[in-house]
Structure formats: C-alpha cells, structure tokens
Amino acid sequence: MVKNLFKYVFISTLAIFLSGCNLNEEDKLTPEIISITPEDGATEVAKTVSIQVEFDEPMDTGSCESRFGLITGYQESIPVNMMGSLSGEFEWNDDHTNMMFTSDSLLMDSTMYSICLEEGMEMHDHGGDSMMSDGMMGHGTQTSNGIISYFTTH
C-alpha cells in the first residue's frame, strides 16, 4: 500500500510539473532577423526605398524604433544614440514581426547607407511580456553592439 501511495504521489507530482512546461516551444532570449531589405551589399537601390526588417518573434515596437538607424555613409560601429540617423516614419505588420522604415526625404544618388540595428531590442515572449534581448543574430555585419547592413543607391 505504501508502495502504491508513493507511485501515486510521484506520478501526480510529475504530471503537475510537466503540465507547466511546454516542451514543444523554445523560449528564446535573442530575436533573430529573418531578412533585411535591401539586402546587405545591395547596389542600384532606388532613392525611394523603404527599409524592411523581418524578425522571427513579435517585437516591442518602441524599443526597436529607438534602436534603429539609417545613416549616410559606411559605419564600422553603431553610433551612440544613432547620431546622424535620417528621420522618417515606421510601420509594423499586425503581429509585430515586420518593421518598415521610410525616410522623410529621398535618399541621395550613388551614396552608401548603413542600416544600424542596435542590441537591446525587446521581443515579446509567448505570454505577451517584454524580454530584453542579449544580442542580435541575423543578416549583415555583426558588431560588438548590434548589426549593420549596407546598401548603395543609384
């Protein structure tokens, strides 16, 4: 009888523990960039281009917009406070996985631009809470504090 009671308690405890765990869904700490448009190294890009960044997780719009910069010229590192970033408007899809930035003015002819994505963008975990990313993975050049992708207009 004690043996059966022990089995019952053990199985019940295990069932309660596992019911709170989701073994099929990975709880990530770092968002991944699926794509950046225009792609890194693109040339002959239209001066009217909108920059698109697609993430693999729903993102917090405010933290992403404040850590995004479109900067004229080649940047080896992400500037402090995105100094020199062009002003523009952001749009998001409904599930907050696709961010689009459109500059307030036309881009200059035959000019290199740097798309800067600073580490620290927040994503929403599966419960809807914000999580701070520890780093960024994806397309472009990895820097010590984020990702930079380059393109040139025609």
Protein backbone atom coordinates (compact mmCIF):
# COMPACT_ATOMS: atom_id res chain seq x y z
CA MET A 1 0.00 0.00 0.00
CA VAL A 2 2.84 2.43 0.85
CA LYS A 3 4.48 1.49 -2.44
CA ASN A 4 1.28 2.30 -4.39
CA LEU A 5 0.88 5.57 -2.49
CA PHE A 6 4.46 6.52 -3.36
CA LYS A 7 3.83 5.77 -7.07
CA TYR A 8 0.64 7.84 -7.00
CA VAL A 9 2.36 10.84 -5.36
CA PHE A 10 5.33 10.60 -7.71
CA ILE A 11 3.19 10.37 -10.85
CA SER A 12 0.90 13.19 -9.67
CA THR A 13 3.85 15.45 -8.89
CA LEU A 14 5.45 14.70 -12.24
CA ALA A 15 2.18 15.41 -14.08
CA ILE A 16 1.76 18.75 -12.28
CA PHE A 17 5.34 19.72 -13.06
CA LEU A 18 5.11 18.78 -16.74
CA SER A 19 1.76 20.49 -17.24
CA GLY A 20 3.52 23.81 -16.60
CA CYS A 21 6.26 23.06 -19.13
CA ASN A 22 5.86 23.46 -22.87
CA LEU A 23 8.36 21.06 -24.39
CA ASN A 24 7.43 21.93 -27.99
CA GLU A 25 8.02 25.67 -27.87
CA GLU A 26 11.50 27.10 -27.46
CA ASP A 27 11.58 30.15 -25.20
CA LYS A 28 14.29 32.21 -26.86
CA LEU A 29 16.27 35.02 -25.30
CA THR A 30 17.54 36.52 -28.54
CA PRO A 31 15.43 37.54 -31.52
CA GLU A 32 16.71 36.57 -34.94
CA ILE A 33 16.48 38.74 -38.02
CA ILE A 34 14.99 36.73 -40.87
CA SER A 35 15.69 39.35 -43.51
CA ILE A 36 16.73 42.95 -44.10
CA THR A 37 15.60 44.70 -47.28
CA PRO A 38 17.50 45.96 -49.17
CA GLU A 39 19.88 43.07 -48.52
CA ASP A 40 23.41 43.59 -47.26
CA GLY A 41 25.69 44.78 -50.07
CA ALA A 42 22.86 45.69 -52.47
CA THR A 43 23.66 48.23 -55.18
CA GLU A 44 21.45 50.22 -57.55
CA VAL A 45 18.84 50.67 -54.80
CA ALA A 46 16.09 53.21 -55.56
CA LYS A 47 16.22 56.52 -53.70
CA THR A 48 12.61 55.92 -52.59
CA VAL A 49 13.32 52.56 -50.92
CA SER A 50 11.68 51.64 -47.62
CA ILE A 51 13.86 49.65 -45.25
CA GLN A 52 12.25 46.42 -44.01
CA VAL A 53 13.42 44.26 -41.13
CA GLU A 54 11.69 40.94 -40.52
CA PHE A 55 12.07 39.24 -37.13
CA ASP A 56 11.32 35.65 -36.13
CA GLU A 57 9.47 36.79 -32.98
CA PRO A 58 6.92 39.54 -32.24
CA MET A 59 8.89 42.63 -31.22
CA ASP A 60 8.26 45.63 -28.98
CA THR A 61 7.83 48.50 -31.46
CA GLY A 62 9.17 51.30 -29.25
CA SER A 63 12.38 49.54 -28.31
CA CYS A 64 13.05 48.57 -31.94
CA GLU A 65 12.37 52.02 -33.36
CA SER A 66 14.66 53.68 -30.83
CA ARG A 67 17.47 51.24 -31.68
CA PHE A 68 17.18 51.56 -35.47
CA GLY A 69 19.12 53.99 -37.61
CA LEU A 70 19.55 54.69 -41.32
CA ILE A 71 22.80 56.60 -41.61
CA THR A 72 24.56 58.08 -44.64
CA GLY A 73 27.96 56.53 -45.31
CA TYR A 74 29.85 53.48 -44.14
CA GLN A 75 29.64 52.85 -40.38
CA GLU A 76 32.11 50.46 -38.73
CA SER A 77 30.19 50.54 -35.47
CA ILE A 78 26.77 51.63 -34.32
CA PRO A 79 26.84 55.32 -33.34
CA VAL A 80 25.88 56.36 -29.82
CA ASN A 81 22.20 57.38 -29.74
CA MET A 82 22.06 56.69 -33.51
CA MET A 83 23.74 60.07 -34.08
CA GLY A 84 23.27 61.14 -37.71
CA SER A 85 20.29 58.87 -38.36
CA LEU A 86 17.81 60.04 -41.00
CA SER A 87 14.32 60.92 -39.78
CA GLY A 88 11.33 59.01 -41.09
CA GLU A 89 8.21 57.00 -40.34
CA PHE A 90 7.84 53.45 -39.06
CA GLU A 91 5.11 50.96 -39.93
CA TRP A 92 4.55 47.48 -38.47
CA ASN A 93 2.53 44.47 -39.55
CA ASP A 94 -0.22 43.28 -37.19
CA ASP A 95 1.87 40.64 -35.40
CA HIS A 96 4.87 43.00 -34.94
CA THR A 97 7.35 40.78 -36.81
CA ASN A 98 7.94 43.13 -39.76
CA MET A 99 9.18 46.71 -39.27
CA MET A 100 9.29 49.12 -42.22
CA PHE A 101 11.10 52.48 -42.16
CA THR A 102 10.57 55.17 -44.80
CA SER A 103 12.83 58.21 -44.79
CA ASP A 104 11.16 61.63 -44.70
CA SER A 105 13.21 62.65 -47.78
CA LEU A 106 14.59 60.95 -50.88
CA LEU A 107 17.94 59.27 -50.43
CA MET A 108 20.94 60.76 -52.29
CA ASP A 109 22.22 59.42 -55.62
CA SER A 110 25.16 56.98 -55.67
CA THR A 111 25.51 57.01 -51.89
CA MET A 112 26.26 54.26 -49.41
CA TYR A 113 23.89 53.90 -46.45
CA SER A 114 24.22 51.90 -43.24
CA ILE A 115 21.19 50.23 -41.66
CA CYS A 116 22.04 50.04 -37.94
CA LEU A 117 20.17 47.71 -35.56
CA GLU A 118 21.40 48.18 -32.01
CA GLU A 119 21.43 45.36 -29.49
CA GLY A 120 18.79 45.68 -26.78
CA MET A 121 15.66 45.50 -28.91
CA GLU A 122 12.92 43.84 -26.90
CA MET A 123 10.78 40.97 -28.01
CA HIS A 124 7.52 39.73 -26.56
CA ASP A 125 7.66 36.27 -25.03
CA HIS A 126 4.82 33.85 -25.61
CA GLY A 127 2.90 35.26 -22.64
CA GLY A 128 2.97 38.77 -24.10
CA ASP A 129 5.58 40.19 -21.70
CA SER A 130 8.60 42.08 -22.97
CA MET A 131 12.00 40.45 -22.79
CA MET A 132 15.36 42.19 -23.27
CA SER A 133 17.49 40.62 -25.97
CA ASP A 134 21.06 39.72 -25.07
CA GLY A 135 22.27 40.08 -28.62
CA MET A 136 21.12 40.09 -32.19
CA MET A 137 21.63 37.40 -34.78
CA GLY A 138 20.93 37.69 -38.46
CA HIS A 139 21.92 39.23 -41.74
CA GLY A 140 24.58 41.91 -42.02
CA THR A 141 27.83 42.62 -40.23
CA GLN A 142 27.86 41.67 -36.55
CA THR A 143 29.36 44.40 -34.35
CA SER A 144 30.00 44.48 -30.62
CA ASN A 145 26.60 46.08 -30.05
CA GLY A 146 24.38 45.02 -32.94
CA ILE A 147 24.15 44.52 -36.69
CA ILE A 148 24.94 46.83 -39.61
CA SER A 149 23.75 46.18 -43.16
CA TYR A 150 24.97 48.27 -46.11
CA PHE A 151 23.47 49.30 -49.45
CA THR A 152 24.19 51.85 -52.20
CA THR A 153 21.66 53.91 -54.15
CA HIS A 154 21.83 54.52 -57.92
